[in-house]
């Protein structure tokens, strides 16, 4: 239960940084914190206390295996999310760098030249 609360706190901190802060780098960090909170939540969904790896050997009983096996789907989703998150983080940092080079500031309020 404590890890669910940690994921909720991380989600709240990330959403605060994403929605309230005006500095673009803080918005990027807020989005990354939200991503990690969702990953932590997915990992907790797939956790079984005392679970075994979902690999069935020839000598195992099917009933005992099904009850104790950990669901591999959340683990696969988190691994995929980490890879996609890395690409997204690099894209956001590159765009933030280009915005800084163009406007000389990362404050969203000071970028009055943005049109579109």
N, C-alpha and C. Protein backbone atom coordinates (compact mmCIF):
# COMPACT_ATOMS: atom_id res chain seq x y z
N UNK A 1 0.82 -1.19 0.00
CA UNK A 1 0.00 0.00 0.00
C UNK A 1 0.87 1.26 0.00
N UNK A 2 2.02 1.17 0.62
CA UNK A 2 2.91 2.33 0.71
C UNK A 2 3.45 2.74 -0.67
N UNK A 3 3.68 1.75 -1.51
CA UNK A 3 4.21 2.07 -2.84
C UNK A 3 3.14 2.73 -3.72
N UNK A 4 1.88 2.38 -3.51
CA UNK A 4 0.80 3.06 -4.22
C UNK A 4 0.73 4.53 -3.80
N UNK A 5 0.92 4.77 -2.50
CA UNK A 5 0.93 6.15 -2.00
C UNK A 5 2.11 6.92 -2.58
N UNK A 6 3.27 6.26 -2.68
CA UNK A 6 4.44 6.91 -3.27
C UNK A 6 4.19 7.25 -4.74
N UNK A 7 3.56 6.35 -5.45
CA UNK A 7 3.24 6.62 -6.86
C UNK A 7 2.27 7.79 -6.97
N UNK A 8 1.31 7.87 -6.05
CA UNK A 8 0.35 8.99 -6.07
C UNK A 8 1.04 10.31 -5.74
N UNK A 9 1.96 10.30 -4.78
CA UNK A 9 2.70 11.52 -4.44
C UNK A 9 3.57 11.96 -5.62
N UNK A 10 4.25 11.01 -6.23
CA UNK A 10 5.07 11.35 -7.41
C UNK A 10 4.21 11.90 -8.54
N UNK A 11 3.04 11.32 -8.74
CA UNK A 11 2.12 11.82 -9.76
C UNK A 11 1.69 13.25 -9.45
N UNK A 12 1.39 13.52 -8.19
CA UNK A 12 1.00 14.87 -7.79
C UNK A 12 2.11 15.88 -7.98
N UNK A 13 3.33 15.52 -7.60
CA UNK A 13 4.47 16.42 -7.77
C UNK A 13 4.72 16.68 -9.25
N UNK A 14 4.65 15.64 -10.06
CA UNK A 14 4.87 15.80 -11.49
C UNK A 14 3.81 16.66 -12.15
N UNK A 15 2.56 16.44 -11.79
CA UNK A 15 1.47 17.25 -12.35
C UNK A 15 1.58 18.71 -11.90
N UNK A 16 2.01 18.93 -10.66
CA UNK A 16 2.22 20.29 -10.18
C UNK A 16 3.28 20.98 -11.02
N UNK A 17 4.40 20.31 -11.23
CA UNK A 17 5.47 20.90 -12.04
C UNK A 17 5.06 21.11 -13.48
N UNK A 18 4.24 20.23 -13.99
CA UNK A 18 3.82 20.32 -15.38
C UNK A 18 2.79 21.41 -15.60
N UNK A 19 1.86 21.57 -14.67
CA UNK A 19 0.76 22.50 -14.88
C UNK A 19 0.99 23.90 -14.31
N UNK A 20 1.75 24.02 -13.23
CA UNK A 20 1.87 25.30 -12.54
C UNK A 20 3.12 26.07 -12.96
N UNK A 21 4.21 25.40 -13.12
CA UNK A 21 5.48 26.08 -13.41
C UNK A 21 5.50 26.65 -14.83
N UNK A 22 6.16 27.78 -15.00
CA UNK A 22 6.25 28.44 -16.31
C UNK A 22 7.58 28.16 -17.01
N UNK A 23 8.58 27.73 -16.26
CA UNK A 23 9.89 27.44 -16.83
C UNK A 23 9.83 26.12 -17.60
N UNK A 24 10.28 26.12 -18.84
CA UNK A 24 10.12 24.93 -19.70
C UNK A 24 10.90 23.73 -19.19
N UNK A 25 12.07 23.95 -18.61
CA UNK A 25 12.84 22.82 -18.11
C UNK A 25 12.12 22.17 -16.92
N UNK A 26 11.44 22.97 -16.11
CA UNK A 26 10.67 22.41 -14.99
C UNK A 26 9.46 21.64 -15.51
N UNK A 27 8.90 22.08 -16.61
CA UNK A 27 7.81 21.33 -17.23
C UNK A 27 8.30 19.97 -17.75
N UNK A 28 9.48 19.96 -18.34
CA UNK A 28 10.06 18.70 -18.83
C UNK A 28 10.30 17.76 -17.66
N UNK A 29 10.87 18.27 -16.57
CA UNK A 29 11.11 17.43 -15.41
C UNK A 29 9.80 16.94 -14.80
N UNK A 30 8.77 17.78 -14.79
CA UNK A 30 7.47 17.36 -14.29
C UNK A 30 6.90 16.21 -15.10
N UNK A 31 7.04 16.29 -16.42
CA UNK A 31 6.53 15.21 -17.27
C UNK A 31 7.31 13.92 -17.05
N UNK A 32 8.61 14.02 -16.83
CA UNK A 32 9.41 12.83 -16.56
C UNK A 32 9.04 12.21 -15.21
N UNK A 33 8.73 13.04 -14.21
CA UNK A 33 8.30 12.52 -12.91
C UNK A 33 6.95 11.81 -13.05
N UNK A 34 6.05 12.36 -13.83
CA UNK A 34 4.75 11.71 -14.07
C UNK A 34 4.98 10.35 -14.73
N UNK A 35 5.88 10.31 -15.69
CA UNK A 35 6.17 9.05 -16.37
C UNK A 35 6.69 8.00 -15.40
N UNK A 36 7.60 8.40 -14.51
CA UNK A 36 8.14 7.44 -13.54
C UNK A 36 7.08 7.01 -12.53
N UNK A 37 6.17 7.90 -12.18
CA UNK A 37 5.08 7.53 -11.27
C UNK A 37 4.18 6.47 -11.90
N UNK A 38 3.88 6.63 -13.17
CA UNK A 38 3.05 5.64 -13.87
C UNK A 38 3.80 4.31 -13.97
N UNK A 39 5.09 4.35 -14.24
CA UNK A 39 5.88 3.12 -14.29
C UNK A 39 5.87 2.41 -12.93
N UNK A 40 6.03 3.17 -11.85
CA UNK A 40 6.00 2.57 -10.52
C UNK A 40 4.64 1.95 -10.23
N UNK A 41 3.58 2.61 -10.64
CA UNK A 41 2.24 2.07 -10.44
C UNK A 41 2.05 0.77 -11.22
N UNK A 42 2.51 0.73 -12.45
CA UNK A 42 2.38 -0.50 -13.25
C UNK A 42 3.19 -1.65 -12.67
N UNK A 43 4.36 -1.34 -12.14
CA UNK A 43 5.18 -2.39 -11.52
C UNK A 43 4.46 -2.94 -10.30
N UNK A 44 3.83 -2.06 -9.52
CA UNK A 44 3.10 -2.52 -8.34
C UNK A 44 1.88 -3.36 -8.69
N UNK A 45 1.24 -3.06 -9.82
CA UNK A 45 0.09 -3.86 -10.24
C UNK A 45 0.49 -5.31 -10.55
N UNK A 46 1.68 -5.51 -11.07
CA UNK A 46 2.11 -6.84 -11.44
C UNK A 46 2.84 -7.60 -10.35
N UNK A 47 3.00 -6.98 -9.18
CA UNK A 47 3.75 -7.61 -8.09
C UNK A 47 2.88 -8.60 -7.33
N UNK A 48 3.44 -9.78 -7.06
CA UNK A 48 2.79 -10.78 -6.21
C UNK A 48 3.81 -11.18 -5.15
N UNK A 49 3.41 -11.06 -3.89
CA UNK A 49 4.31 -11.41 -2.80
C UNK A 49 4.59 -12.91 -2.83
N UNK A 50 5.85 -13.28 -2.94
CA UNK A 50 6.23 -14.68 -3.01
C UNK A 50 6.00 -15.30 -4.37
N UNK A 51 5.84 -14.47 -5.39
CA UNK A 51 5.58 -14.97 -6.74
C UNK A 51 6.82 -15.58 -7.37
N UNK A 52 6.58 -16.38 -8.38
CA UNK A 52 7.68 -17.03 -9.10
C UNK A 52 7.70 -16.51 -10.53
N UNK A 53 8.79 -16.76 -11.20
CA UNK A 53 8.92 -16.34 -12.60
C UNK A 53 7.91 -17.11 -13.46
N UNK A 54 7.33 -16.45 -14.46
CA UNK A 54 6.30 -17.12 -15.28
C UNK A 54 6.89 -18.05 -16.33
N UNK A 55 7.76 -18.95 -15.89
CA UNK A 55 8.37 -19.94 -16.79
C UNK A 55 8.05 -21.31 -16.22
N UNK A 56 7.29 -22.08 -16.94
CA UNK A 56 6.86 -23.38 -16.45
C UNK A 56 7.81 -24.45 -16.95
N UNK A 57 8.30 -25.24 -16.04
CA UNK A 57 9.17 -26.36 -16.39
C UNK A 57 8.32 -27.63 -16.54
N UNK A 58 8.94 -28.68 -17.03
CA UNK A 58 8.19 -29.90 -17.32
C UNK A 58 7.69 -30.60 -16.06
N UNK A 59 8.37 -30.45 -14.94
CA UNK A 59 7.98 -31.18 -13.73
C UNK A 59 7.00 -30.44 -12.84
N UNK A 60 6.58 -29.26 -13.20
CA UNK A 60 5.70 -28.49 -12.33
C UNK A 60 4.24 -28.80 -12.57
N UNK A 61 3.48 -28.68 -11.51
CA UNK A 61 2.03 -28.81 -11.60
C UNK A 61 1.46 -27.53 -12.20
N UNK A 62 0.49 -27.64 -13.06
CA UNK A 62 -0.09 -26.46 -13.71
C UNK A 62 -0.87 -25.60 -12.72
N UNK A 63 -1.56 -26.22 -11.77
CA UNK A 63 -2.37 -25.46 -10.81
C UNK A 63 -1.48 -24.64 -9.88
N UNK A 64 -0.38 -25.23 -9.42
CA UNK A 64 0.54 -24.51 -8.52
C UNK A 64 1.25 -23.38 -9.27
N UNK A 65 1.50 -23.59 -10.53
CA UNK A 65 2.20 -22.58 -11.32
C UNK A 65 1.33 -21.35 -11.55
N UNK A 66 0.07 -21.56 -11.89
CA UNK A 66 -0.82 -20.45 -12.23
C UNK A 66 -1.07 -19.56 -11.02
N UNK A 67 -1.21 -20.12 -9.85
CA UNK A 67 -1.51 -19.34 -8.66
C UNK A 67 -0.36 -18.49 -8.17
N UNK A 68 0.88 -18.89 -8.41
CA UNK A 68 2.03 -18.18 -7.87
C UNK A 68 2.82 -17.40 -8.91
N UNK A 69 2.46 -17.51 -10.16
CA UNK A 69 3.25 -16.86 -11.22
C UNK A 69 2.96 -15.36 -11.25
N UNK A 70 4.00 -14.59 -11.48
CA UNK A 70 3.89 -13.15 -11.61
C UNK A 70 3.47 -12.82 -13.04
N UNK A 71 2.57 -11.86 -13.18
CA UNK A 71 2.08 -11.47 -14.50
C UNK A 71 3.20 -10.70 -15.23
N UNK A 72 3.66 -11.18 -16.39
CA UNK A 72 4.75 -10.50 -17.08
C UNK A 72 4.30 -9.27 -17.89
N UNK A 73 3.01 -9.10 -18.12
CA UNK A 73 2.54 -7.99 -18.95
C UNK A 73 2.90 -6.61 -18.38
N UNK A 74 2.72 -6.33 -17.09
CA UNK A 74 3.14 -5.01 -16.58
C UNK A 74 4.64 -4.77 -16.72
N UNK A 75 5.43 -5.82 -16.58
CA UNK A 75 6.87 -5.67 -16.73
C UNK A 75 7.23 -5.30 -18.18
N UNK A 76 6.57 -5.92 -19.12
CA UNK A 76 6.80 -5.61 -20.54
C UNK A 76 6.36 -4.19 -20.85
N UNK A 77 5.20 -3.78 -20.30
CA UNK A 77 4.73 -2.42 -20.52
C UNK A 77 5.69 -1.39 -19.95
N UNK A 78 6.24 -1.66 -18.77
CA UNK A 78 7.18 -0.72 -18.16
C UNK A 78 8.47 -0.65 -18.97
N UNK A 79 8.97 -1.78 -19.43
CA UNK A 79 10.18 -1.75 -20.26
C UNK A 79 9.95 -0.96 -21.54
N UNK A 80 8.81 -1.15 -22.16
CA UNK A 80 8.47 -0.38 -23.36
C UNK A 80 8.34 1.10 -23.03
N UNK A 81 7.72 1.39 -21.90
CA UNK A 81 7.54 2.79 -21.48
C UNK A 81 8.88 3.46 -21.20
N UNK A 82 9.82 2.73 -20.65
CA UNK A 82 11.15 3.30 -20.38
C UNK A 82 11.84 3.68 -21.68
N UNK A 83 11.77 2.80 -22.66
CA UNK A 83 12.41 3.09 -23.95
C UNK A 83 11.74 4.28 -24.64
N UNK A 84 10.43 4.30 -24.65
CA UNK A 84 9.71 5.42 -25.27
C UNK A 84 9.96 6.71 -24.49
N UNK A 85 9.99 6.61 -23.16
CA UNK A 85 10.25 7.77 -22.32
C UNK A 85 11.63 8.36 -22.55
N UNK A 86 12.61 7.52 -22.80
CA UNK A 86 13.96 8.02 -23.09
C UNK A 86 13.97 8.82 -24.39
N UNK A 87 13.32 8.30 -25.42
CA UNK A 87 13.23 9.04 -26.68
C UNK A 87 12.47 10.34 -26.52
N UNK A 88 11.38 10.31 -25.76
CA UNK A 88 10.60 11.51 -25.52
C UNK A 88 11.40 12.54 -24.72
N UNK A 89 12.15 12.08 -23.74
CA UNK A 89 12.98 13.00 -22.94
C UNK A 89 14.03 13.68 -23.81
N UNK A 90 14.67 12.92 -24.68
CA UNK A 90 15.68 13.51 -25.56
C UNK A 90 15.06 14.52 -26.51
N UNK A 91 13.88 14.21 -27.03
CA UNK A 91 13.19 15.15 -27.90
C UNK A 91 12.82 16.43 -27.16
N UNK A 92 12.31 16.29 -25.94
CA UNK A 92 11.93 17.47 -25.17
C UNK A 92 13.13 18.33 -24.81
N UNK A 93 14.24 17.71 -24.46
CA UNK A 93 15.45 18.47 -24.14
C UNK A 93 15.98 19.17 -25.39
N UNK A 94 15.95 18.50 -26.53
CA UNK A 94 16.42 19.12 -27.77
C UNK A 94 15.53 20.31 -28.15
N UNK A 95 14.21 20.15 -28.02
CA UNK A 95 13.32 21.27 -28.32
C UNK A 95 13.50 22.42 -27.34
N UNK A 96 13.72 22.11 -26.07
CA UNK A 96 13.96 23.15 -25.08
C UNK A 96 15.25 23.89 -25.38
N UNK A 97 16.27 23.18 -25.80
CA UNK A 97 17.54 23.82 -26.17
C UNK A 97 17.36 24.74 -27.38
N UNK A 98 16.61 24.28 -28.37
CA UNK A 98 16.35 25.13 -29.55
C UNK A 98 15.53 26.37 -29.19
N UNK A 99 14.57 26.22 -28.30
CA UNK A 99 13.79 27.37 -27.85
C UNK A 99 14.68 28.36 -27.12
N UNK A 100 15.58 27.86 -26.29
CA UNK A 100 16.50 28.76 -25.58
C UNK A 100 17.43 29.48 -26.56
N UNK A 101 17.92 28.77 -27.57
CA UNK A 101 18.79 29.41 -28.56
C UNK A 101 18.04 30.47 -29.34
N UNK A 102 16.79 30.23 -29.62
CA UNK A 102 16.01 31.18 -30.43
C UNK A 102 15.54 32.39 -29.65
N UNK A 103 15.05 32.16 -28.42
CA UNK A 103 14.43 33.24 -27.66
C UNK A 103 15.28 33.75 -26.49
N UNK A 104 16.32 33.04 -26.13
CA UNK A 104 17.19 33.47 -25.05
C UNK A 104 16.59 33.30 -23.66
N UNK A 105 15.50 32.59 -23.54
CA UNK A 105 14.85 32.39 -22.25
C UNK A 105 14.05 31.09 -22.31
N UNK A 106 13.86 30.51 -21.13
CA UNK A 106 13.03 29.31 -21.04
C UNK A 106 11.72 29.60 -20.31
N UNK A 107 11.46 30.86 -20.01
CA UNK A 107 10.21 31.25 -19.37
C UNK A 107 9.12 31.36 -20.43
N UNK A 108 8.04 30.61 -20.23
CA UNK A 108 6.97 30.60 -21.24
C UNK A 108 6.29 31.95 -21.39
N UNK A 109 6.28 32.75 -20.32
CA UNK A 109 5.63 34.07 -20.39
C UNK A 109 6.45 35.06 -21.21
N UNK A 110 7.74 34.88 -21.27
CA UNK A 110 8.62 35.82 -21.96
C UNK A 110 8.72 35.56 -23.46
N UNK A 111 8.14 34.48 -23.92
CA UNK A 111 8.23 34.13 -25.34
C UNK A 111 7.02 34.70 -26.07
N UNK A 112 7.00 35.99 -26.23
CA UNK A 112 5.85 36.64 -26.86
C UNK A 112 5.91 36.52 -28.39
N UNK A 113 7.03 36.07 -28.93
CA UNK A 113 7.16 35.97 -30.38
C UNK A 113 6.54 34.71 -30.95
N UNK A 114 6.13 33.79 -30.06
CA UNK A 114 5.51 32.55 -30.54
C UNK A 114 4.18 32.85 -31.19
N UNK A 115 4.00 32.32 -32.36
CA UNK A 115 2.73 32.49 -33.07
C UNK A 115 2.29 31.11 -33.53
N UNK A 116 1.00 30.92 -33.56
CA UNK A 116 0.64 29.70 -34.17
C UNK A 116 -0.46 28.94 -33.73
